[in-house]
Each structure stands twice: as structure tokens, then as C-alpha cells.
């Protein structure tokens, strides 16, 4: 039997997806979680993998709390995946055995020209890993969609259902390259099996970049919405409108920096991802089709 994989954040979206995928492959998992109740709730949606010898009892530890519980939870770890925010990587390095391989999740938010606590935390965590000399990698995904409970594409689809037209800063000409959760999971598993010599950093992204305009139209089509026109609107006007609409029931809250980031190109070379991990990501068209097809099935009433 393969050695167990310690998953920090095993009840989060990426952690849950990874836990299920590893168990389906017959690989033991040791969950390391902060909240036992939330973890047990996430198990309730598993299908046939929430029990048995492959899934070890959860170990309770908080990356932001005292270091001793985390060190105890990781004392026997050979391979650790940290799906918690990358700002916690320094705490992980202090607690993890020196010989353990580390696979951490970061974010391409680190490249933004509108830095925030999220992006700065990713940079801080990456710097800590690269300075540690540890064997492992920090994977930087682009926008992740397709996970159970994700709020990127689903929030956008909910907003589009309320709008007769689609206002986009600059007309939505900036590039995006979203990655499906299954491709993120496949990349993490490939990273687990890769022989890392020292610390590394690697971007993982979708198959090809598209304009944000085309991304929005593809989401609308996949969600079964009627076509509607896209109109270019100055970012400043959208920020003002969003500050008002956020108080309207049913409209998602959209912050000023989110709107400004819509003006940034977020396209990346995936050749290093393919060559290093052997993962070829699916196209956005296929991924969105899979996402909304699954949503339709889950929403359908059961037959009696």
C-alpha cells in the first residue's frame, strides 16, 4: 500500500476533491483539519469513500494557532498537501518533518497589479517555501471552476440571470484562462509523484486563454441563458454601480479590486505544466459543459 498523504484543509473545496480522488485511486489519506464538524459535513456528500481503512481519522490542528498540535498531526508525514491559503506555508514549514515532501496551493493572484491581502499572502508563502530548501512545489492555479460549492462561475451565472445586458470594463477584451477543479486535482496528484529536488513554483491553468467577454458568453450559454449584448463600460462607472447593487437582495457583492482586475490579462504558458506534471487541461468549453451538466443532474428531482 502507498504511503498516506496528509491533506491540510481536507474539508475545503480543493481538499475535498483531492481526498476523494486519492481514495478512489486506493491511496491512503490522513485529513488534517481545523474544524471537525465541517469535515464531517463534507464527508456526508462522499460516495462510498467516507469509511474504510484508506481514510484515517482526522487530526485536528489550526495553521494559525499554536505550532505544537500541527507538529503532532504531521509527525509521521512523508508527503503533505496544503490546500489552505498559501499565507500559512511558513507555519507548515516550521511544523513539518524536514524530510517530508510538500505540495502547496498558491494562486496566480500573486501577479496582479492590484495587490490585496490574498495576493500578498500567496507571495509571502511562496517566498517562504523557496527559501526553505524543502523538496516540493507550490502550484499556482488560475481561476478555479467546477468544484462543489465554488463561487466563481456559479456567482457569475447568478449575476447574468439578473442582467438584460452584460456591462464589462473595456468591453471584456482582457484575457483569462480558468482551470477546472479536476485538472487542479490531477496536477496535485502528479506533483505528489514527481521527484522534486528542492523547492519549485509552477503555474497551472486552463487549456487556452479567452477574452473575458467570450468567457462570460460561454458561461451564459452553458447555463442555458438567452444571448444578451455585451456593452463596454468604464471601470469607474462599474465600481460605482457595484457599490449600490451590492445592497440589492440577490446581487452578489463585487469589490472595486475585482472589477479592476478584469482589466488585467491573466494568460499563462502551460507547457511547463504539461512537461513537468504530464497534465493536459481540458478546454473551457468542455469544462463548462461538464459543470452545468452536473448541476442539472443534481438539481433534478429523484424518480419515485
Protein backbone atom coordinates (compact mmCIF):
# COMPACT_ATOMS: atom_id res chain seq x y z
CA UNK A 1 0.00 0.00 0.00
CA UNK A 2 1.21 3.52 -0.81
CA UNK A 3 2.24 5.82 2.00
CA UNK A 4 -0.57 8.05 3.33
CA UNK A 5 -0.93 11.60 2.08
CA UNK A 6 -1.53 14.19 4.78
CA UNK A 7 -4.04 16.73 3.42
CA UNK A 8 -4.21 20.04 5.24
CA UNK A 9 -7.59 21.58 4.53
CA UNK A 10 -9.25 18.27 3.66
CA UNK A 11 -12.73 19.75 4.11
CA UNK A 12 -12.25 22.71 1.74
CA UNK A 13 -13.16 22.64 -1.94
CA UNK A 14 -9.79 21.59 -3.35
CA UNK A 15 -9.02 19.46 -0.29
CA UNK A 16 -12.31 17.57 -0.59
CA UNK A 17 -11.79 16.97 -4.32
CA UNK A 18 -8.27 15.69 -3.67
CA UNK A 19 -9.37 13.46 -0.80
CA UNK A 20 -11.99 11.80 -2.97
CA UNK A 21 -9.62 11.36 -5.92
CA UNK A 22 -6.85 9.78 -3.83
CA UNK A 23 -9.24 7.39 -2.09
CA UNK A 24 -10.70 6.39 -5.47
CA UNK A 25 -7.15 5.53 -6.55
CA UNK A 26 -6.61 3.39 -3.45
CA UNK A 27 -4.23 5.84 -1.79
CA UNK A 28 -4.50 6.36 1.99
CA UNK A 29 -5.39 9.81 3.26
CA UNK A 30 -4.78 11.44 6.64
CA UNK A 31 -7.00 14.54 6.89
CA UNK A 32 -5.62 17.46 8.87
CA UNK A 33 -8.45 19.90 9.57
CA UNK A 34 -9.26 22.82 11.81
CA UNK A 35 -12.98 22.14 12.24
CA UNK A 36 -14.11 18.56 12.86
CA UNK A 37 -17.79 19.40 12.29
CA UNK A 38 -17.12 20.96 8.90
CA UNK A 39 -15.01 17.97 7.92
CA UNK A 40 -17.72 15.50 8.91
CA UNK A 41 -20.23 17.55 6.93
CA UNK A 42 -18.02 17.30 3.84
CA UNK A 43 -17.88 13.52 4.28
CA UNK A 44 -21.67 13.34 4.09
CA UNK A 45 -21.54 14.10 0.36
CA UNK A 46 -18.90 11.46 -0.41
CA UNK A 47 -19.99 8.37 -2.29
CA UNK A 48 -18.56 5.22 -0.81
CA UNK A 49 -15.20 6.72 0.23
CA UNK A 50 -16.01 8.16 3.66
CA UNK A 51 -15.13 4.99 5.53
CA UNK A 52 -12.68 2.12 5.36
CA UNK A 53 -9.01 1.63 6.12
CA UNK A 54 -7.78 4.07 3.46
CA UNK A 55 -9.29 7.10 5.17
CA UNK A 56 -7.64 7.71 8.52
CA UNK A 57 -9.39 9.54 11.37
CA UNK A 58 -9.00 13.32 11.10
CA UNK A 59 -6.27 15.10 13.00
CA UNK A 60 -7.29 18.46 14.40
CA UNK A 61 -4.82 21.32 14.04
CA UNK A 62 -5.00 25.01 13.19
CA UNK A 63 -2.32 26.55 10.98
CA UNK A 64 -2.91 29.89 12.67
CA UNK A 65 -2.76 28.52 16.20
CA UNK A 66 0.00 27.09 18.40
CA UNK A 67 2.58 25.07 16.47
CA UNK A 68 2.59 22.00 18.74
CA UNK A 69 -0.76 20.49 17.60
CA UNK A 70 0.21 20.88 13.93
CA UNK A 71 3.65 19.35 14.53
CA UNK A 72 1.98 16.42 16.29
CA UNK A 73 -0.50 15.95 13.43
CA UNK A 74 2.33 15.90 10.88
CA UNK A 75 4.92 13.99 12.93
CA UNK A 76 4.74 10.85 10.75
CA UNK A 77 4.18 12.65 7.43
CA UNK A 78 6.18 11.70 4.34
CA UNK A 79 4.07 13.68 1.86
CA UNK A 80 1.94 16.71 2.73
CA UNK A 81 -0.52 18.62 0.58
CA UNK A 82 -1.55 22.03 1.87
CA UNK A 83 -4.75 23.28 0.25
CA UNK A 84 -5.14 26.04 2.83
CA UNK A 85 -4.19 29.59 1.86
CA UNK A 86 -0.53 29.94 0.96
CA UNK A 87 -0.01 32.56 3.66
CA UNK A 88 0.12 29.59 6.06
CA UNK A 89 3.13 27.96 4.41
CA UNK A 90 5.63 29.37 6.96
CA UNK A 91 3.68 27.63 9.76
CA UNK A 92 3.65 24.42 7.71
CA UNK A 93 7.42 24.55 7.19
CA UNK A 94 8.02 25.02 10.90
CA UNK A 95 5.80 22.07 11.82
CA UNK A 96 6.51 19.54 9.04
CA UNK A 97 9.27 16.91 9.30
CA UNK A 98 12.33 18.05 7.39
CA UNK A 99 12.19 15.02 5.10
CA UNK A 100 8.54 15.45 4.11
CA UNK A 101 7.73 16.48 0.55
CA UNK A 102 5.45 19.50 0.35
CA UNK A 103 2.83 20.29 -2.28
CA UNK A 104 1.11 23.61 -1.66
CA UNK A 105 -1.59 25.58 -3.44
CA UNK A 106 -0.95 29.21 -4.26
CA UNK A 107 -2.71 31.40 -6.80
CA UNK A 108 -1.92 33.45 -9.90
CA UNK A 109 -3.33 36.36 -7.90
CA UNK A 110 0.31 36.89 -7.00
CA UNK A 111 0.74 38.52 -10.43
CA UNK A 112 -1.96 41.17 -10.01
CA UNK A 113 -1.25 44.87 -10.34
CA UNK A 114 -3.95 45.46 -7.69
CA UNK A 115 -2.42 43.66 -4.70
CA UNK A 116 -4.54 42.68 -1.74
CA UNK A 117 -4.14 40.50 1.34
CA UNK A 118 -4.89 37.39 -0.72
CA UNK A 119 -2.20 38.06 -3.32
CA UNK A 120 0.32 39.31 -0.78
CA UNK A 121 -0.26 36.18 1.31
CA UNK A 122 0.46 33.99 -1.72
CA UNK A 123 3.71 35.84 -2.36
CA UNK A 124 4.70 35.51 1.30
CA UNK A 125 4.04 31.77 1.28
CA UNK A 126 5.88 31.22 -1.97
CA UNK A 127 8.92 33.11 -0.73
CA UNK A 128 8.94 31.03 2.44
CA UNK A 129 8.85 27.76 0.50
CA UNK A 130 11.53 28.81 -1.98
CA UNK A 131 13.79 29.97 0.86
CA UNK A 132 13.26 26.78 2.88
CA UNK A 133 15.21 24.42 0.64
CA UNK A 134 12.43 21.84 1.12
CA UNK A 135 11.64 19.32 -1.60
CA UNK A 136 8.31 20.24 -3.08
CA UNK A 137 6.31 22.72 -5.11
CA UNK A 138 3.77 25.48 -4.84
CA UNK A 139 1.19 25.23 -7.62
CA UNK A 140 -0.40 28.50 -8.72
CA UNK A 141 -3.81 27.86 -10.30
CA UNK A 142 -5.70 30.45 -12.27
CA UNK A 143 -9.41 30.94 -11.51
CA UNK A 144 -10.72 27.53 -10.43
CA UNK A 145 -14.17 26.46 -11.55
CA UNK A 146 -16.08 23.18 -11.37
CA UNK A 147 -15.55 22.40 -7.69
CA UNK A 148 -18.50 21.56 -5.49
CA UNK A 149 -19.61 24.84 -3.94
CA UNK A 150 -17.26 27.05 -5.96
CA UNK A 151 -18.39 30.64 -6.33
CA UNK A 152 -16.58 31.89 -9.42
CA UNK A 153 -18.57 30.64 -12.40
CA UNK A 154 -21.68 30.00 -10.33
CA UNK A 155 -21.70 33.54 -8.95
CA UNK A 156 -21.23 34.90 -12.47
CA UNK A 157 -24.10 32.77 -13.81
CA UNK A 158 -26.33 34.00 -10.96
CA UNK A 159 -25.48 37.60 -11.86
CA UNK A 160 -26.10 37.04 -15.57
CA UNK A 161 -29.59 35.74 -14.81
CA UNK A 162 -30.41 39.17 -13.37
CA UNK A 163 -29.00 41.28 -16.20
CA UNK A 164 -30.66 42.02 -19.57
CA UNK A 165 -27.26 43.05 -20.95
CA UNK A 166 -23.65 42.44 -19.89
CA UNK A 167 -21.60 45.51 -18.89
CA UNK A 168 -17.86 44.83 -18.97
CA UNK A 169 -14.93 47.17 -18.34
CA UNK A 170 -13.17 47.82 -21.62
CA UNK A 171 -15.68 45.57 -23.34
CA UNK A 172 -14.11 42.48 -21.74
CA UNK A 173 -11.05 42.29 -24.00
CA UNK A 174 -8.65 41.16 -21.27
CA UNK A 175 -7.60 37.50 -21.28
CA UNK A 176 -8.48 34.84 -18.72
CA UNK A 177 -7.55 31.16 -18.55
CA UNK A 178 -9.73 29.37 -15.95
CA UNK A 179 -8.83 25.84 -14.86
CA UNK A 180 -11.29 23.08 -13.97
CA UNK A 181 -11.11 21.65 -10.45
CA UNK A 182 -10.49 18.16 -11.84
CA UNK A 183 -7.38 19.44 -13.62
CA UNK A 184 -6.21 21.10 -10.41
CA UNK A 185 -6.68 17.78 -8.61
CA UNK A 186 -4.85 15.90 -11.36
CA UNK A 187 -1.98 18.39 -11.11
CA UNK A 188 -1.71 17.93 -7.33
CA UNK A 189 -1.65 14.14 -7.68
CA UNK A 190 1.01 14.38 -10.40
CA UNK A 191 3.02 16.69 -8.13
CA UNK A 192 2.80 14.10 -5.35
CA UNK A 193 4.51 11.56 -7.58
CA UNK A 194 7.11 13.92 -9.01
CA UNK A 195 10.68 13.73 -7.71
CA UNK A 196 11.21 17.33 -6.62
CA UNK A 197 14.78 18.33 -5.90
CA UNK A 198 14.46 21.41 -3.75
CA UNK A 199 11.54 23.89 -3.81
CA UNK A 200 9.76 24.87 -7.02
CA UNK A 201 6.96 27.14 -8.22
CA UNK A 202 4.64 26.26 -11.11
CA UNK A 203 1.59 27.89 -12.71
CA UNK A 204 -1.31 25.62 -13.65
CA UNK A 205 -4.00 26.96 -15.98
CA UNK A 206 -6.69 26.04 -18.47
CA UNK A 207 -6.02 24.86 -22.00
CA UNK A 208 -6.15 28.22 -23.79
CA UNK A 209 -6.80 31.84 -22.85
CA UNK A 210 -10.04 33.54 -23.92
CA UNK A 211 -11.21 37.13 -23.64
CA UNK A 212 -13.32 37.85 -20.60
CA UNK A 213 -16.15 38.71 -22.98
CA UNK A 214 -16.02 35.24 -24.53
CA UNK A 215 -15.71 33.67 -21.08
CA UNK A 216 -18.89 35.40 -19.93
CA UNK A 217 -20.76 34.42 -23.10
CA UNK A 218 -19.63 30.80 -22.74
CA UNK A 219 -20.85 30.75 -19.12
CA UNK A 220 -24.20 32.19 -20.18
CA UNK A 221 -24.57 29.61 -22.95
CA UNK A 222 -23.58 26.70 -20.70
CA UNK A 223 -26.07 27.91 -18.06
CA UNK A 224 -28.84 27.86 -20.66
CA UNK A 225 -29.34 31.63 -20.72
CA UNK A 226 -30.60 33.51 -23.76
CA UNK A 227 -28.00 35.57 -25.64
CA UNK A 228 -27.64 39.15 -24.48
CA UNK A 229 -25.47 42.02 -25.69
CA UNK A 230 -22.14 42.99 -24.16
CA UNK A 231 -21.59 46.71 -23.68
CA UNK A 232 -18.26 48.36 -22.79
CA UNK A 233 -18.45 50.40 -19.59
CA UNK A 234 -15.68 52.38 -17.86
CA UNK A 235 -14.35 50.54 -14.81
CA UNK A 236 -15.02 53.58 -12.64
CA UNK A 237 -18.72 53.52 -13.56
CA UNK A 238 -18.97 49.79 -12.83
CA UNK A 239 -17.34 50.27 -9.44
CA UNK A 240 -19.90 52.94 -8.58
CA UNK A 241 -22.79 50.76 -9.76
CA UNK A 242 -21.49 47.72 -7.86
CA UNK A 243 -21.31 49.71 -4.63
CA UNK A 244 -25.06 50.36 -4.95
CA UNK A 245 -26.18 46.98 -6.31
CA UNK A 246 -24.41 45.06 -3.55
CA UNK A 247 -27.23 46.18 -1.26
CA UNK A 248 -29.89 44.74 -3.59
CA UNK A 249 -31.06 41.26 -2.48
CA UNK A 250 -29.89 38.58 -4.90
CA UNK A 251 -26.99 40.57 -6.36
CA UNK A 252 -23.54 39.23 -5.43
CA UNK A 253 -21.13 41.64 -3.80
CA UNK A 254 -18.36 42.69 -6.20
CA UNK A 255 -15.47 44.72 -4.85
CA UNK A 256 -13.59 47.52 -6.66
CA UNK A 257 -10.39 45.48 -6.97
CA UNK A 258 -12.33 42.61 -8.56
CA UNK A 259 -13.54 44.98 -11.26
CA UNK A 260 -10.08 46.49 -11.78
CA UNK A 261 -8.60 43.01 -12.14
CA UNK A 262 -10.98 42.43 -15.06
CA UNK A 263 -8.71 44.82 -16.99
CA UNK A 264 -5.65 42.60 -16.45
CA UNK A 265 -4.55 39.86 -18.83
CA UNK A 266 -4.37 36.56 -16.96
CA UNK A 267 -2.98 34.23 -19.60
CA UNK A 268 -0.12 31.79 -18.97
CA UNK A 269 2.15 29.35 -20.76
CA UNK A 270 1.04 25.82 -19.82
CA UNK A 271 3.93 23.99 -21.49
CA UNK A 272 5.87 23.82 -18.15
CA UNK A 273 2.74 22.38 -16.52
CA UNK A 274 2.32 19.73 -19.23
CA UNK A 275 6.00 18.82 -19.38
CA UNK A 276 6.53 18.68 -15.61
CA UNK A 277 3.25 17.16 -14.47
CA UNK A 278 2.01 15.41 -17.58
CA UNK A 279 -1.41 17.05 -17.15
CA UNK A 280 -3.10 18.43 -20.27
CA UNK A 281 -6.03 20.58 -19.08
CA UNK A 282 -9.46 20.41 -20.68
CA UNK A 283 -10.87 23.21 -22.80
CA UNK A 284 -13.13 25.79 -21.20
CA UNK A 285 -16.00 24.75 -23.46
CA UNK A 286 -15.78 21.14 -22.27
CA UNK A 287 -15.27 22.10 -18.63
CA UNK A 288 -18.27 24.43 -18.51
CA UNK A 289 -20.41 21.81 -20.21
CA UNK A 290 -19.41 19.27 -17.56
CA UNK A 291 -20.07 21.74 -14.75
CA UNK A 292 -23.56 22.76 -15.78
CA UNK A 293 -24.49 19.24 -16.85
CA UNK A 294 -23.60 18.03 -13.36
CA UNK A 295 -25.58 20.89 -11.80
CA UNK A 296 -28.64 19.97 -13.88
CA UNK A 297 -28.44 16.34 -12.76
CA UNK A 298 -28.02 17.31 -9.10
CA UNK A 299 -30.98 19.69 -9.31
CA UNK A 300 -33.28 17.16 -10.98
CA UNK A 301 -35.92 15.65 -8.69
CA UNK A 302 -35.43 11.98 -7.92
CA UNK A 303 -37.80 9.50 -9.50
CA UNK A 304 -40.10 7.58 -7.22
